Amino acid sequence: MPAQPKHDTLSRLLELLKAMRLHSDGHTTGDATVLACWDADRLDLARVGIQPEPQRLCISAARDASTIGAAVRMAERLSRRASGARAAFT
């Protein structure tokens, strides 16, 4: 795979920095990479007991009820594992 031109790498880095800077602002439009970052973050809210809201997700696949359900189930499984691991050390 050929190396990316430096300007392309820099522009992608700047987009990711933008995603991190604005991730809590509720935006739902923009660069596809940024949208994917925001959706991943929002779908992961279930790990702290917050149900992801479809209208706050950016990409139609993320807004799908089956995607949200899968994210919630995964968060629940990971939470149970983490609880078990913590109990083993107490």
N, C-alpha and C. Protein backbone atom coordinates (compact mmCIF):
# COMPACT_ATOMS: atom_id res chain seq x y z
N MET A 1 0.85 -1.17 0.00
CA MET A 1 0.00 0.00 0.00
C MET A 1 0.90 1.24 0.00
N PRO A 2 0.68 2.15 -0.94
CA PRO A 2 1.53 3.34 -1.00
C PRO A 2 1.28 4.26 0.18
N ALA A 3 2.31 4.98 0.57
CA ALA A 3 2.19 5.92 1.68
C ALA A 3 1.25 7.07 1.29
N GLN A 4 0.49 7.54 2.26
CA GLN A 4 -0.40 8.66 2.00
C GLN A 4 0.42 9.95 1.94
N PRO A 5 0.00 10.88 1.09
CA PRO A 5 0.69 12.18 1.09
C PRO A 5 0.54 12.82 2.47
N LYS A 6 1.55 13.57 2.89
CA LYS A 6 1.54 14.18 4.22
C LYS A 6 0.33 15.08 4.43
N HIS A 7 -0.09 15.82 3.40
CA HIS A 7 -1.22 16.72 3.58
C HIS A 7 -2.51 15.94 3.85
N ASP A 8 -2.65 14.74 3.26
CA ASP A 8 -3.84 13.92 3.50
C ASP A 8 -3.83 13.39 4.93
N THR A 9 -2.69 12.94 5.39
CA THR A 9 -2.55 12.44 6.75
C THR A 9 -2.85 13.56 7.75
N LEU A 10 -2.34 14.73 7.49
CA LEU A 10 -2.57 15.86 8.38
C LEU A 10 -4.05 16.25 8.39
N SER A 11 -4.68 16.27 7.24
CA SER A 11 -6.10 16.65 7.20
C SER A 11 -6.95 15.63 7.95
N ARG A 12 -6.62 14.35 7.87
CA ARG A 12 -7.36 13.32 8.60
C ARG A 12 -7.13 13.45 10.11
N LEU A 13 -5.91 13.76 10.49
CA LEU A 13 -5.62 13.98 11.90
C LEU A 13 -6.42 15.18 12.43
N LEU A 14 -6.48 16.24 11.65
CA LEU A 14 -7.24 17.41 12.06
C LEU A 14 -8.72 17.08 12.21
N GLU A 15 -9.26 16.24 11.32
CA GLU A 15 -10.66 15.82 11.44
C GLU A 15 -10.89 15.02 12.72
N LEU A 16 -9.95 14.15 13.07
CA LEU A 16 -10.09 13.37 14.30
C LEU A 16 -9.99 14.26 15.54
N LEU A 17 -9.11 15.24 15.49
CA LEU A 17 -9.02 16.20 16.59
C LEU A 17 -10.33 16.98 16.73
N LYS A 18 -10.93 17.33 15.60
CA LYS A 18 -12.23 18.00 15.60
C LYS A 18 -13.28 17.10 16.25
N ALA A 19 -13.25 15.82 15.91
CA ALA A 19 -14.21 14.87 16.49
C ALA A 19 -14.07 14.83 18.00
N MET A 20 -12.85 14.82 18.49
CA MET A 20 -12.65 14.78 19.94
C MET A 20 -13.10 16.08 20.59
N ARG A 21 -12.78 17.20 19.96
CA ARG A 21 -13.12 18.51 20.52
C ARG A 21 -14.64 18.72 20.60
N LEU A 22 -15.38 18.24 19.60
CA LEU A 22 -16.81 18.51 19.50
C LEU A 22 -17.70 17.34 19.91
N HIS A 23 -17.12 16.27 20.44
CA HIS A 23 -17.90 15.04 20.64
C HIS A 23 -19.08 15.20 21.59
N SER A 24 -19.07 16.16 22.46
CA SER A 24 -20.18 16.33 23.41
C SER A 24 -21.17 17.41 22.99
N ASP A 25 -20.98 17.99 21.82
CA ASP A 25 -21.81 19.12 21.40
C ASP A 25 -23.11 18.73 20.72
N GLY A 26 -23.33 17.45 20.44
CA GLY A 26 -24.58 17.00 19.86
C GLY A 26 -24.71 17.12 18.36
N HIS A 27 -23.62 17.39 17.66
CA HIS A 27 -23.68 17.49 16.20
C HIS A 27 -24.01 16.13 15.58
N THR A 28 -24.66 16.16 14.42
CA THR A 28 -25.01 14.91 13.73
C THR A 28 -24.70 14.98 12.23
N THR A 29 -24.00 16.00 11.79
CA THR A 29 -23.60 16.10 10.38
C THR A 29 -22.13 16.44 10.29
N GLY A 30 -21.50 16.02 9.17
CA GLY A 30 -20.10 16.35 8.96
C GLY A 30 -19.37 15.24 8.23
N ASP A 31 -18.07 15.23 8.41
CA ASP A 31 -17.18 14.25 7.80
C ASP A 31 -17.53 12.83 8.29
N ALA A 32 -17.51 11.87 7.38
CA ALA A 32 -17.90 10.49 7.72
C ALA A 32 -17.06 9.90 8.85
N THR A 33 -15.77 10.20 8.88
CA THR A 33 -14.91 9.69 9.96
C THR A 33 -15.33 10.28 11.29
N VAL A 34 -15.61 11.56 11.30
CA VAL A 34 -16.04 12.24 12.53
C VAL A 34 -17.38 11.67 13.00
N LEU A 35 -18.30 11.48 12.05
CA LEU A 35 -19.61 10.92 12.40
C LEU A 35 -19.48 9.53 13.01
N ALA A 36 -18.60 8.71 12.44
CA ALA A 36 -18.39 7.36 12.97
C ALA A 36 -17.84 7.41 14.39
N CYS A 37 -16.94 8.35 14.65
CA CYS A 37 -16.39 8.50 16.00
C CYS A 37 -17.49 8.89 16.99
N TRP A 38 -18.31 9.85 16.58
CA TRP A 38 -19.38 10.30 17.47
C TRP A 38 -20.39 9.18 17.72
N ASP A 39 -20.74 8.44 16.69
CA ASP A 39 -21.69 7.34 16.88
C ASP A 39 -21.11 6.26 17.79
N ALA A 40 -19.85 5.93 17.61
CA ALA A 40 -19.22 4.93 18.46
C ALA A 40 -19.26 5.37 19.92
N ASP A 41 -18.97 6.63 20.15
CA ASP A 41 -18.98 7.17 21.51
C ASP A 41 -20.39 7.14 22.08
N ARG A 42 -21.37 7.55 21.29
CA ARG A 42 -22.75 7.60 21.77
C ARG A 42 -23.34 6.21 21.98
N LEU A 43 -22.99 5.27 21.11
CA LEU A 43 -23.48 3.90 21.30
C LEU A 43 -22.88 3.26 22.55
N ASP A 44 -21.72 3.73 22.96
CA ASP A 44 -21.04 3.19 24.14
C ASP A 44 -21.60 3.76 25.45
N LEU A 45 -22.52 4.71 25.38
CA LEU A 45 -23.09 5.28 26.60
C LEU A 45 -23.79 4.24 27.47
N ALA A 46 -24.23 3.17 26.87
CA ALA A 46 -24.91 2.12 27.63
C ALA A 46 -24.01 1.56 28.74
N ARG A 47 -22.72 1.65 28.59
CA ARG A 47 -21.81 1.12 29.61
C ARG A 47 -21.93 1.88 30.93
N VAL A 48 -22.47 3.11 30.88
CA VAL A 48 -22.69 3.88 32.11
C VAL A 48 -24.18 4.04 32.39
N GLY A 49 -25.00 3.16 31.78
CA GLY A 49 -26.42 3.13 32.06
C GLY A 49 -27.27 4.12 31.30
N ILE A 50 -26.71 4.73 30.26
CA ILE A 50 -27.48 5.69 29.45
C ILE A 50 -27.88 5.02 28.14
N GLN A 51 -29.17 4.98 27.88
CA GLN A 51 -29.68 4.38 26.65
C GLN A 51 -29.38 5.32 25.48
N PRO A 52 -28.68 4.86 24.44
CA PRO A 52 -28.43 5.71 23.28
C PRO A 52 -29.75 6.12 22.61
N GLU A 53 -29.86 7.38 22.24
CA GLU A 53 -31.07 7.91 21.61
C GLU A 53 -30.85 8.00 20.10
N PRO A 54 -31.72 7.35 19.31
CA PRO A 54 -31.52 7.32 17.86
C PRO A 54 -31.37 8.70 17.23
N GLN A 55 -32.13 9.69 17.70
CA GLN A 55 -32.07 11.01 17.09
C GLN A 55 -30.74 11.71 17.34
N ARG A 56 -29.94 11.22 18.27
CA ARG A 56 -28.63 11.81 18.55
C ARG A 56 -27.50 11.11 17.79
N LEU A 57 -27.85 10.05 17.06
CA LEU A 57 -26.86 9.32 16.27
C LEU A 57 -26.81 9.89 14.86
N CYS A 58 -25.69 9.73 14.21
CA CYS A 58 -25.44 10.40 12.92
C CYS A 58 -25.76 9.54 11.71
N ILE A 59 -25.38 8.30 11.74
CA ILE A 59 -25.44 7.42 10.57
C ILE A 59 -26.67 6.52 10.71
N SER A 60 -27.38 6.31 9.62
CA SER A 60 -28.63 5.54 9.68
C SER A 60 -28.42 4.15 10.27
N ALA A 61 -27.32 3.50 9.96
CA ALA A 61 -27.06 2.17 10.52
C ALA A 61 -26.95 2.23 12.04
N ALA A 62 -26.38 3.29 12.57
CA ALA A 62 -26.26 3.44 14.03
C ALA A 62 -27.62 3.70 14.67
N ARG A 63 -28.52 4.39 13.95
CA ARG A 63 -29.85 4.69 14.49
C ARG A 63 -30.77 3.48 14.48
N ASP A 64 -30.41 2.45 13.77
CA ASP A 64 -31.23 1.25 13.67
C ASP A 64 -31.39 0.61 15.06
N ALA A 65 -32.61 0.22 15.37
CA ALA A 65 -32.90 -0.37 16.69
C ALA A 65 -32.05 -1.59 16.98
N SER A 66 -31.74 -2.39 15.95
CA SER A 66 -30.93 -3.59 16.19
C SER A 66 -29.49 -3.22 16.55
N THR A 67 -28.97 -2.14 15.97
CA THR A 67 -27.62 -1.68 16.31
C THR A 67 -27.58 -1.19 17.74
N ILE A 68 -28.56 -0.38 18.10
CA ILE A 68 -28.62 0.14 19.48
C ILE A 68 -28.79 -1.01 20.47
N GLY A 69 -29.65 -1.96 20.14
CA GLY A 69 -29.85 -3.11 21.01
C GLY A 69 -28.57 -3.92 21.19
N ALA A 70 -27.84 -4.12 20.10
CA ALA A 70 -26.58 -4.86 20.18
C ALA A 70 -25.56 -4.11 21.04
N ALA A 71 -25.52 -2.79 20.91
CA ALA A 71 -24.60 -1.99 21.71
C ALA A 71 -24.94 -2.08 23.19
N VAL A 72 -26.23 -2.03 23.50
CA VAL A 72 -26.66 -2.13 24.90
C VAL A 72 -26.33 -3.51 25.47
N ARG A 73 -26.61 -4.56 24.70
CA ARG A 73 -26.29 -5.92 25.18
C ARG A 73 -24.79 -6.09 25.39
N MET A 74 -23.98 -5.55 24.49
CA MET A 74 -22.53 -5.66 24.64
C MET A 74 -22.07 -4.92 25.90
N ALA A 75 -22.62 -3.74 26.12
CA ALA A 75 -22.25 -2.97 27.31
C ALA A 75 -22.63 -3.73 28.58
N GLU A 76 -23.79 -4.35 28.57
CA GLU A 76 -24.22 -5.13 29.74
C GLU A 76 -23.29 -6.31 30.00
N ARG A 77 -22.91 -7.02 28.92
CA ARG A 77 -21.99 -8.15 29.08
C ARG A 77 -20.64 -7.68 29.62
N LEU A 78 -20.12 -6.60 29.07
CA LEU A 78 -18.83 -6.09 29.51
C LEU A 78 -18.89 -5.59 30.95
N SER A 79 -20.01 -5.01 31.31
CA SER A 79 -20.18 -4.53 32.68
C SER A 79 -20.18 -5.69 33.67
N ARG A 80 -20.88 -6.78 33.30
CA ARG A 80 -20.90 -7.96 34.18
C ARG A 80 -19.49 -8.55 34.32
N ARG A 81 -18.76 -8.61 33.22
CA ARG A 81 -17.39 -9.13 33.30
C ARG A 81 -16.52 -8.26 34.19
N ALA A 82 -16.64 -6.94 34.03
CA ALA A 82 -15.84 -6.02 34.84
C ALA A 82 -16.20 -6.15 36.32
N SER A 83 -17.50 -6.31 36.61
CA SER A 83 -17.93 -6.49 38.00
C SER A 83 -17.35 -7.77 38.58
N GLY A 84 -17.35 -8.82 37.80
CA GLY A 84 -16.78 -10.08 38.25
C GLY A 84 -15.29 -9.97 38.51
N ALA A 85 -14.60 -9.26 37.63
CA ALA A 85 -13.16 -9.09 37.79
C ALA A 85 -12.85 -8.26 39.04
N ARG A 86 -13.65 -7.21 39.29
CA ARG A 86 -13.43 -6.40 40.48
C ARG A 86 -13.69 -7.22 41.74
N ALA A 87 -14.73 -8.06 41.72
CA ALA A 87 -15.06 -8.88 42.88
C ALA A 87 -13.93 -9.86 43.18
N ALA A 88 -13.25 -10.35 42.17
CA ALA A 88 -12.18 -11.30 42.37
C ALA A 88 -10.99 -10.66 43.09
N PHE A 89 -10.86 -9.34 42.99
CA PHE A 89 -9.73 -8.65 43.60
C PHE A 89 -10.07 -8.00 44.93
N THR A 90 -11.29 -8.19 45.41
CA THR A 90 -11.66 -7.56 46.69
C THR A 90 -11.75 -8.58 47.79
